[in-house]
C-alpha atoms as a PDB file:
ATOM      1  CA  UNK A   1     -34.048  68.175 -13.498  1.00  0.00           C
ATOM      2  CA  UNK A   2     -34.010  65.035 -15.608  1.00  0.00           C
ATOM      3  CA  UNK A   3     -37.211  64.099 -17.418  1.00  0.00           C
ATOM      4  CA  UNK A   4     -37.739  60.359 -17.145  1.00  0.00           C
ATOM      5  CA  UNK A   5     -39.346  59.692 -20.528  1.00  0.00           C
ATOM      6  CA  UNK A   6     -40.357  56.032 -20.643  1.00  0.00           C
ATOM      7  CA  UNK A   7     -43.641  56.360 -22.534  1.00  0.00           C
ATOM      8  CA  UNK A   8     -43.589  58.920 -25.348  1.00  0.00           C
ATOM      9  CA  UNK A   9     -42.054  56.450 -27.821  1.00  0.00           C
ATOM     10  CA  UNK A  10     -45.381  54.603 -27.594  1.00  0.00           C
ATOM     11  CA  UNK A  11     -47.725  57.507 -26.943  1.00  0.00           C
ATOM     12  CA  UNK A  12     -50.413  56.474 -29.473  1.00  0.00           C
ATOM     13  CA  UNK A  13     -50.636  52.964 -27.996  1.00  0.00           C
ATOM     14  CA  UNK A  14     -50.575  54.462 -24.511  1.00  0.00           C
ATOM     15  CA  UNK A  15     -53.564  56.655 -25.375  1.00  0.00           C
ATOM     16  CA  UNK A  16     -55.473  53.750 -26.933  1.00  0.00           C
ATOM     17  CA  UNK A  17     -54.661  50.905 -24.554  1.00  0.00           C
ATOM     18  CA  UNK A  18     -54.472  52.238 -21.007  1.00  0.00           C
ATOM     19  CA  UNK A  19     -57.549  51.719 -18.789  1.00  0.00           C
ATOM     20  CA  UNK A  20     -59.730  54.701 -17.910  1.00  0.00           C
ATOM     21  CA  UNK A  21     -60.263  55.862 -14.350  1.00  0.00           C
ATOM     22  CA  UNK A  22     -63.698  55.245 -12.791  1.00  0.00           C
ATOM     23  CA  UNK A  23     -66.473  57.814 -12.922  1.00  0.00           C
ATOM     24  CA  UNK A  24     -66.929  57.351  -9.171  1.00  0.00           C
ATOM     25  CA  UNK A  25     -63.520  58.967  -8.672  1.00  0.00           C
ATOM     26  CA  UNK A  26     -64.582  62.053 -10.607  1.00  0.00           C
ATOM     27  CA  UNK A  27     -67.920  62.157  -8.776  1.00  0.00           C
ATOM     28  CA  UNK A  28     -65.914  62.246  -5.549  1.00  0.00           C
ATOM     29  CA  UNK A  29     -63.665  65.036  -6.871  1.00  0.00           C
ATOM     30  CA  UNK A  30     -66.718  67.047  -7.958  1.00  0.00           C
ATOM     31  CA  UNK A  31     -67.943  67.073  -4.347  1.00  0.00           C
ATOM     32  CA  UNK A  32     -64.694  68.349  -2.815  1.00  0.00           C
ATOM     33  CA  UNK A  33     -65.215  71.611  -0.865  1.00  0.00           C
ATOM     34  CA  UNK A  34     -63.145  73.752  -3.231  1.00  0.00           C
ATOM     35  CA  UNK A  35     -63.789  76.206  -6.022  1.00  0.00           C
ATOM     36  CA  UNK A  36     -64.070  74.621  -9.437  1.00  0.00           C
ATOM     37  CA  UNK A  37     -62.362  77.324 -11.475  1.00  0.00           C
ATOM     38  CA  UNK A  38     -58.980  75.808 -12.330  1.00  0.00           C
ATOM     39  CA  UNK A  39     -57.444  72.342 -12.134  1.00  0.00           C
ATOM     40  CA  UNK A  40     -53.837  71.450 -12.930  1.00  0.00           C
ATOM     41  CA  UNK A  41     -53.538  67.900 -14.280  1.00  0.00           C
ATOM     42  CA  UNK A  42     -49.856  67.052 -14.016  1.00  0.00           C
ATOM     43  CA  UNK A  43     -48.107  64.641 -16.392  1.00  0.00           C
ATOM     44  CA  UNK A  44     -51.389  64.380 -18.231  1.00  0.00           C
ATOM     45  CA  UNK A  45     -50.141  61.901 -20.834  1.00  0.00           C
ATOM     46  CA  UNK A  46     -52.966  61.377 -23.302  1.00  0.00           C
ATOM     47  CA  UNK A  47     -55.379  63.409 -21.171  1.00  0.00           C
ATOM     48  CA  UNK A  48     -57.152  60.449 -19.611  1.00  0.00           C
ATOM     49  CA  UNK A  49     -57.813  62.381 -16.399  1.00  0.00           C
ATOM     50  CA  UNK A  50     -57.879  65.867 -17.925  1.00  0.00           C
ATOM     51  CA  UNK A  51     -60.894  65.153 -20.126  1.00  0.00           C
ATOM     52  CA  UNK A  52     -63.332  64.096 -17.373  1.00  0.00           C
ATOM     53  CA  UNK A  53     -61.912  66.815 -15.098  1.00  0.00           C
ATOM     54  CA  UNK A  54     -62.852  69.353 -17.777  1.00  0.00           C
ATOM     55  CA  UNK A  55     -66.520  68.655 -17.064  1.00  0.00           C
ATOM     56  CA  UNK A  56     -65.969  69.601 -13.400  1.00  0.00           C
ATOM     57  CA  UNK A  57     -63.678  72.625 -13.679  1.00  0.00           C
ATOM     58  CA  UNK A  58     -64.097  75.754 -15.751  1.00  0.00           C
ATOM     59  CA  UNK A  59     -60.520  75.320 -16.942  1.00  0.00           C
ATOM     60  CA  UNK A  60     -57.984  72.477 -16.877  1.00  0.00           C
ATOM     61  CA  UNK A  61     -54.299  73.130 -17.394  1.00  0.00           C
ATOM     62  CA  UNK A  62     -52.828  69.787 -18.497  1.00  0.00           C
ATOM     63  CA  UNK A  63     -49.047  69.639 -18.569  1.00  0.00           C
ATOM     64  CA  UNK A  64     -46.667  66.946 -19.727  1.00  0.00           C
ATOM     65  CA  UNK A  65     -42.923  66.960 -20.347  1.00  0.00           C
ATOM     66  CA  UNK A  66     -43.438  64.801 -23.451  1.00  0.00           C
ATOM     67  CA  UNK A  67     -44.474  66.638 -26.597  1.00  0.00           C
ATOM     68  CA  UNK A  68     -45.497  63.313 -28.168  1.00  0.00           C
ATOM     69  CA  UNK A  69     -47.944  62.660 -25.366  1.00  0.00           C
ATOM     70  CA  UNK A  70     -49.428  66.143 -25.730  1.00  0.00           C
ATOM     71  CA  UNK A  71     -49.851  65.639 -29.478  1.00  0.00           C
ATOM     72  CA  UNK A  72     -51.858  62.449 -28.869  1.00  0.00           C
ATOM     73  CA  UNK A  73     -54.000  63.923 -26.094  1.00  0.00           C
ATOM     74  CA  UNK A  74     -57.748  64.331 -26.528  1.00  0.00           C
ATOM     75  CA  UNK A  75     -58.537  67.953 -27.323  1.00  0.00           C
ATOM     76  CA  UNK A  76     -61.321  69.708 -25.400  1.00  0.00           C
ATOM     77  CA  UNK A  77     -62.176  73.407 -25.545  1.00  0.00           C
ATOM     78  CA  UNK A  78     -61.461  74.198 -21.879  1.00  0.00           C
ATOM     79  CA  UNK A  79     -58.259  72.150 -21.608  1.00  0.00           C
ATOM     80  CA  UNK A  80     -54.972  73.958 -22.161  1.00  0.00           C
ATOM     81  CA  UNK A  81     -52.296  71.369 -22.993  1.00  0.00           C
ATOM     82  CA  UNK A  82     -48.779  72.595 -22.227  1.00  0.00           C
ATOM     83  CA  UNK A  83     -45.464  70.861 -22.891  1.00  0.00           C
ATOM     84  CA  UNK A  84     -43.950  71.543 -19.458  1.00  0.00           C
ATOM     85  CA  UNK A  85     -42.335  69.405 -16.732  1.00  0.00           C
ATOM     86  CA  UNK A  86     -44.100  68.880 -13.426  1.00  0.00           C
ATOM     87  CA  UNK A  87     -41.408  70.698 -11.488  1.00  0.00           C
ATOM     88  CA  UNK A  88     -41.381  73.969 -13.431  1.00  0.00           C
ATOM     89  CA  UNK A  89     -44.388  75.467 -15.184  1.00  0.00           C
ATOM     90  CA  UNK A  90     -45.651  78.820 -16.368  1.00  0.00           C
ATOM     91  CA  UNK A  91     -48.826  78.528 -14.288  1.00  0.00           C
ATOM     92  CA  UNK A  92     -49.513  81.778 -12.374  1.00  0.00           C
ATOM     93  CA  UNK A  93     -49.041  81.909  -8.608  1.00  0.00           C
ATOM     94  CA  UNK A  94     -52.030  81.048  -6.390  1.00  0.00           C
ATOM     95  CA  UNK A  95     -54.294  80.191  -9.328  1.00  0.00           C
ATOM     96  CA  UNK A  96     -55.159  76.491  -8.966  1.00  0.00           C
ATOM     97  CA  UNK A  97     -58.005  74.911  -6.982  1.00  0.00           C
ATOM     98  CA  UNK A  98     -57.001  71.262  -7.462  1.00  0.00           C
ATOM     99  CA  UNK A  99     -53.776  69.546  -8.489  1.00  0.00           C
ATOM    100  CA  UNK A 100     -54.219  66.022  -9.886  1.00  0.00           C
ATOM    101  CA  UNK A 101     -51.554  63.459 -10.710  1.00  0.00           C
ATOM    102  CA  UNK A 102     -52.640  60.168 -12.273  1.00  0.00           C
ATOM    103  CA  UNK A 103     -50.126  57.297 -12.357  1.00  0.00           C
ATOM    104  CA  UNK A 104     -47.126  59.640 -12.494  1.00  0.00           C
ATOM    105  CA  UNK A 105     -46.162  61.058  -9.090  1.00  0.00           C
ATOM    106  CA  UNK A 106     -43.494  58.399  -8.554  1.00  0.00           C
ATOM    107  CA  UNK A 107     -41.494  59.735 -11.531  1.00  0.00           C
ATOM    108  CA  UNK A 108     -41.166  63.284 -10.225  1.00  0.00           C
ATOM    109  CA  UNK A 109     -38.417  65.113  -8.397  1.00  0.00           C
ATOM    110  CA  UNK A 110     -40.477  65.337  -5.216  1.00  0.00           C
ATOM    111  CA  UNK A 111     -39.001  68.417  -3.542  1.00  0.00           C
ATOM    112  CA  UNK A 112     -39.112  70.478  -6.733  1.00  0.00           C
ATOM    113  CA  UNK A 113     -42.619  69.342  -7.622  1.00  0.00           C
ATOM    114  CA  UNK A 114     -44.052  70.023  -4.187  1.00  0.00           C
ATOM    115  CA  UNK A 115     -42.470  73.478  -4.230  1.00  0.00           C
ATOM    116  CA  UNK A 116     -44.266  74.118  -7.543  1.00  0.00           C
ATOM    117  CA  UNK A 117     -47.545  72.800  -6.090  1.00  0.00           C
ATOM    118  CA  UNK A 118     -47.334  75.263  -3.207  1.00  0.00           C
ATOM    119  CA  UNK A 119     -46.534  78.104  -5.588  1.00  0.00           C
ATOM    120  CA  UNK A 120     -49.548  77.602  -7.883  1.00  0.00           C
ATOM    121  CA  UNK A 121     -52.094  76.502  -5.255  1.00  0.00           C
ATOM    122  CA  UNK A 122     -54.850  78.743  -3.969  1.00  0.00           C
ATOM    123  CA  UNK A 123     -55.193  78.981  -0.164  1.00  0.00           C
ATOM    124  CA  UNK A 124     -57.859  76.240  -0.039  1.00  0.00           C
ATOM    125  CA  UNK A 125     -56.437  74.039  -2.792  1.00  0.00           C
ATOM    126  CA  UNK A 126     -56.336  70.255  -2.660  1.00  0.00           C
ATOM    127  CA  UNK A 127     -53.926  67.807  -4.231  1.00  0.00           C
ATOM    128  CA  UNK A 128     -54.970  64.291  -5.179  1.00  0.00           C
ATOM    129  CA  UNK A 129     -52.578  61.715  -6.640  1.00  0.00           C
ATOM    130  CA  UNK A 130     -53.354  58.155  -7.566  1.00  0.00           C
ATOM    131  CA  UNK A 131     -51.792  55.079  -9.045  1.00  0.00           C
ATOM    132  CA  UNK A 132     -52.974  51.592  -9.891  1.00  0.00           C
ATOM    133  CA  UNK A 133     -51.112  48.435  -9.093  1.00  0.00           C
ATOM    134  CA  UNK A 134     -50.970  45.082 -10.861  1.00  0.00           C
ATOM    135  CA  UNK A 135     -54.250  43.970 -12.374  1.00  0.00           C
ATOM    136  CA  UNK A 136     -56.146  41.010 -10.929  1.00  0.00           C
ATOM    137  CA  UNK A 137     -58.372  38.977 -13.238  1.00  0.00           C
ATOM    138  CA  UNK A 138     -58.615  35.211 -12.642  1.00  0.00           C
ATOM    139  CA  UNK A 139     -56.106  32.930 -10.916  1.00  0.00           C
ATOM    140  CA  UNK A 140     -55.100  31.398 -14.264  1.00  0.00           C
ATOM    141  CA  UNK A 141     -54.593  34.728 -16.045  1.00  0.00           C
ATOM    142  CA  UNK A 142     -52.966  36.321 -12.981  1.00  0.00           C
ATOM    143  CA  UNK A 143     -50.351  33.560 -12.924  1.00  0.00           C
ATOM    144  CA  UNK A 144     -49.296  34.393 -16.495  1.00  0.00           C
ATOM    145  CA  UNK A 145     -49.278  38.162 -15.902  1.00  0.00           C
ATOM    146  CA  UNK A 146     -47.245  37.604 -12.737  1.00  0.00           C
ATOM    147  CA  UNK A 147     -44.727  35.574 -14.730  1.00  0.00           C
ATOM    148  CA  UNK A 148     -44.318  38.514 -17.106  1.00  0.00           C
ATOM    149  CA  UNK A 149     -44.029  41.031 -14.270  1.00  0.00           C
ATOM    150  CA  UNK A 150     -42.012  39.216 -11.622  1.00  0.00           C
ATOM    151  CA  UNK A 151     -39.965  36.711 -13.629  1.00  0.00           C
ATOM    152  CA  UNK A 152     -39.343  38.199 -17.070  1.00  0.00           C
ATOM    153  CA  UNK A 153     -39.414  41.981 -16.729  1.00  0.00           C
ATOM    154  CA  UNK A 154     -38.552  42.513 -13.040  1.00  0.00           C
ATOM    155  CA  UNK A 155     -34.916  43.556 -13.707  1.00  0.00           C
ATOM    156  CA  UNK A 156     -36.043  46.074 -16.325  1.00  0.00           C
ATOM    157  CA  UNK A 157     -38.401  48.214 -14.241  1.00  0.00           C
ATOM    158  CA  UNK A 158     -37.061  51.515 -12.977  1.00  0.00           C
ATOM    159  CA  UNK A 159     -36.635  51.857  -9.186  1.00  0.00           C
ATOM    160  CA  UNK A 160     -39.485  54.357  -9.011  1.00  0.00           C
ATOM    161  CA  UNK A 161     -41.903  51.530  -9.828  1.00  0.00           C
ATOM    162  CA  UNK A 162     -41.416  50.326  -6.241  1.00  0.00           C
ATOM    163  CA  UNK A 163     -43.588  53.210  -5.053  1.00  0.00           C
ATOM    164  CA  UNK A 164     -46.467  51.756  -7.084  1.00  0.00           C
ATOM    165  CA  UNK A 165     -45.872  48.225  -5.795  1.00  0.00           C
ATOM    166  CA  UNK A 166     -45.958  49.714  -2.300  1.00  0.00           C
ATOM    167  CA  UNK A 167     -49.310  51.351  -3.170  1.00  0.00           C
ATOM    168  CA  UNK A 168     -47.918  54.869  -2.634  1.00  0.00           C
ATOM    169  CA  UNK A 169     -47.650  54.137   1.100  1.00  0.00           C
ATOM    170  CA  UNK A 170     -43.938  55.086   1.134  1.00  0.00           C
ATOM    171  CA  UNK A 171     -43.982  58.038  -1.251  1.00  0.00           C
ATOM    172  CA  UNK A 172     -43.148  61.455   0.274  1.00  0.00           C
ATOM    173  CA  UNK A 173     -46.280  63.587   0.706  1.00  0.00           C
ATOM    174  CA  UNK A 174     -45.753  66.769   2.754  1.00  0.00           C
ATOM    175  CA  UNK A 175     -49.401  67.776   2.971  1.00  0.00           C
ATOM    176  CA  UNK A 176     -52.248  67.305   5.421  1.00  0.00           C
ATOM    177  CA  UNK A 177     -53.495  63.868   4.373  1.00  0.00           C
ATOM    178  CA  UNK A 178     -57.208  63.297   3.958  1.00  0.00           C
ATOM    179  CA  UNK A 179     -59.095  60.021   3.804  1.00  0.00           C
ATOM    180  CA  UNK A 180     -60.748  58.926   0.576  1.00  0.00           C
ATOM    181  CA  UNK A 181     -63.118  56.095  -0.358  1.00  0.00           C
ATOM    182  CA  UNK A 182     -61.742  53.033  -2.133  1.00  0.00           C
ATOM    183  CA  UNK A 183     -61.822  53.045  -5.923  1.00  0.00           C
ATOM    184  CA  UNK A 184     -60.962  50.536  -8.610  1.00  0.00           C
ATOM    185  CA  UNK A 185     -60.983  50.354 -12.381  1.00  0.00           C
ATOM    186  CA  UNK A 186     -62.992  47.588 -14.016  1.00  0.00           C
ATOM    187  CA  UNK A 187     -63.144  46.717 -17.707  1.00  0.00           C
ATOM    188  CA  UNK A 188     -64.376  43.740 -19.708  1.00  0.00           C
ATOM    189  CA  UNK A 189     -61.416  42.840 -21.917  1.00  0.00           C
ATOM    190  CA  UNK A 190     -60.463  40.058 -24.276  1.00  0.00           C
ATOM    191  CA  UNK A 191     -56.941  38.678 -24.630  1.00  0.00           C
ATOM    192  CA  UNK A 192     -55.989  41.125 -27.393  1.00  0.00           C
ATOM    193  CA  UNK A 193     -56.932  44.125 -25.282  1.00  0.00           C
ATOM    194  CA  UNK A 194     -54.904  42.886 -22.326  1.00  0.00           C
ATOM    195  CA  UNK A 195     -51.902  42.185 -24.566  1.00  0.00           C
ATOM    196  CA  UNK A 196     -52.106  45.694 -26.025  1.00  0.00           C
ATOM    197  CA  UNK A 197     -52.115  47.084 -22.486  1.00  0.00           C
ATOM    198  CA  UNK A 198     -49.176  44.933 -21.377  1.00  0.00           C
ATOM    199  CA  UNK A 199     -47.249  46.224 -24.380  1.00  0.00           C
ATOM    200  CA  UNK A 200     -47.422  49.737 -22.878  1.00  0.00           C
ATOM    201  CA  UNK A 201     -45.497  48.666 -19.782  1.00  0.00           C
ATOM    202  CA  UNK A 202     -42.153  50.457 -19.524  1.00  0.00           C
ATOM    203  CA  UNK A 203     -40.634  47.217 -18.203  1.00  0.00           C
ATOM    204  CA  UNK A 204     -41.689  45.423 -21.383  1.00  0.00           C
ATOM    205  CA  UNK A 205     -40.099  48.145 -23.498  1.00  0.00           C
ATOM    206  CA  UNK A 206     -36.846  48.039 -21.514  1.00  0.00           C
ATOM    207  CA  UNK A 207     -36.718  44.231 -21.766  1.00  0.00           C
ATOM    208  CA  UNK A 208     -37.194  44.430 -25.534  1.00  0.00           C
ATOM    209  CA  UNK A 209     -34.420  47.002 -25.914  1.00  0.00           C
ATOM    210  CA  UNK A 210     -32.037  44.844 -23.886  1.00  0.00           C
ATOM    211  CA  UNK A 211     -32.875  41.462 -25.412  1.00  0.00           C
ATOM    212  CA  UNK A 212     -34.022  42.199 -28.938  1.00  0.00           C
ATOM    213  CA  UNK A 213     -37.422  40.547 -28.595  1.00  0.00           C
ATOM    214  CA  UNK A 214     -40.718  41.276 -26.885  1.00  0.00           C
ATOM    215  CA  UNK A 215     -41.204  39.231 -23.683  1.00  0.00           C
ATOM    216  CA  UNK A 216     -44.900  38.922 -24.476  1.00  0.00           C
ATOM    217  CA  UNK A 217     -44.003  36.404 -27.173  1.00  0.00           C
ATOM    218  CA  UNK A 218     -42.866  34.093 -24.366  1.00  0.00           C
ATOM    219  CA  UNK A 219     -46.187  34.149 -22.504  1.00  0.00           C
ATOM    220  CA  UNK A 220     -48.783  34.993 -25.176  1.00  0.00           C
ATOM    221  CA  UNK A 221     -49.857  31.406 -25.853  1.00  0.00           C
ATOM    222  CA  UNK A 222     -50.368  30.701 -22.145  1.00  0.00           C
ATOM    223  CA  UNK A 223     -52.217  33.984 -21.721  1.00  0.00           C
ATOM    224  CA  UNK A 224     -54.630  33.225 -24.575  1.00  0.00           C
ATOM    225  CA  UNK A 225     -55.189  29.710 -23.215  1.00  0.00           C
ATOM    226  CA  UNK A 226     -56.005  31.141 -19.786  1.00  0.00           C
ATOM    227  CA  UNK A 227     -58.555  33.494 -21.373  1.00  0.00           C
ATOM    228  CA  UNK A 228     -60.218  30.883 -23.523  1.00  0.00           C
ATOM    229  CA  UNK A 229     -61.160  31.385 -27.158  1.00  0.00           C
ATOM    230  CA  UNK A 230     -63.076  34.624 -27.747  1.00  0.00           C
ATOM    231  CA  UNK A 231     -63.802  35.215 -24.071  1.00  0.00           C
ATOM    232  CA  UNK A 232     -63.994  38.553 -22.313  1.00  0.00           C
ATOM    233  CA  UNK A 233     -63.237  38.731 -18.603  1.00  0.00           C
ATOM    234  CA  UNK A 234     -63.524  41.341 -15.868  1.00  0.00           C
ATOM    235  CA  UNK A 235     -60.145  43.062 -15.461  1.00  0.00           C
ATOM    236  CA  UNK A 236     -59.669  44.919 -12.161  1.00  0.00           C
ATOM    237  CA  UNK A 237     -57.025  47.412 -11.040  1.00  0.00           C
ATOM    238  CA  UNK A 238     -57.194  48.778  -7.481  1.00  0.00           C
ATOM    239  CA  UNK A 239     -56.463  52.497  -7.160  1.00  0.00           C
ATOM    240  CA  UNK A 240     -54.193  53.819  -4.414  1.00  0.00           C
ATOM    241  CA  UNK A 241     -54.784  57.456  -3.528  1.00  0.00           C
ATOM    242  CA  UNK A 242     -52.951  60.253  -1.734  1.00  0.00           C
ATOM    243  CA  UNK A 243     -55.061  63.327  -1.085  1.00  0.00           C
ATOM    244  CA  UNK A 244     -54.437  66.370   1.036  1.00  0.00           C
ATOM    245  CA  UNK A 245     -54.834  70.083   1.562  1.00  0.00           C
ATOM    246  CA  UNK A 246     -51.874  71.957   0.141  1.00  0.00           C
ATOM    247  CA  UNK A 247     -52.090  74.510   2.934  1.00  0.00           C
ATOM    248  CA  UNK A 248     -53.359  72.616   5.953  1.00  0.00           C
END
């Protein structure tokens, strides 16, 4: 199984600059009709989901195939960070109440991962996976971000990114699907914060490796003009969620 490592080179920036998931999502998870003993947070990255999940579950096992990501993750007493791929872990059989995957499912080897999910899941376990698509801010800022995404970096995104653009509607999911409310992330950001976030895009990194310069230099002036001097704006990312019972 090949580990698609597109983020660990920039793991510190990833930890600092990625948006956080909404508390309403975790409130929803806390009300799921499952035991709250053990959660497996898969491809945890910097622990953005693992940390709030640790206040819901007695124990969180947070795995990531990137050692760099694990080293930059936020440490909490009841989180066990393990440098393991999603498709093969040392988690005991039938030990997990909830499997969570935040912004990562599209990178996995699906058949192998789902086999691992079924192995570690308790009889009543749930799985919930989510991603967020392109941010929407204002028409003027969106036009510049779209130029970066669709015009400049489009050839440099990996094919798996299509699953995110399709809002996870086409991703394989061999479980009994359950409906969820709608969720979105909202943050008040200035131009610098958005630029730092855009710099974590894997498509930006691949463009830079291929062309020898950062594509953000081509749109930064227009982006700052669209923001206005010193302004903060409401940045919104819609979440797209797959949730189901592992054993329906």
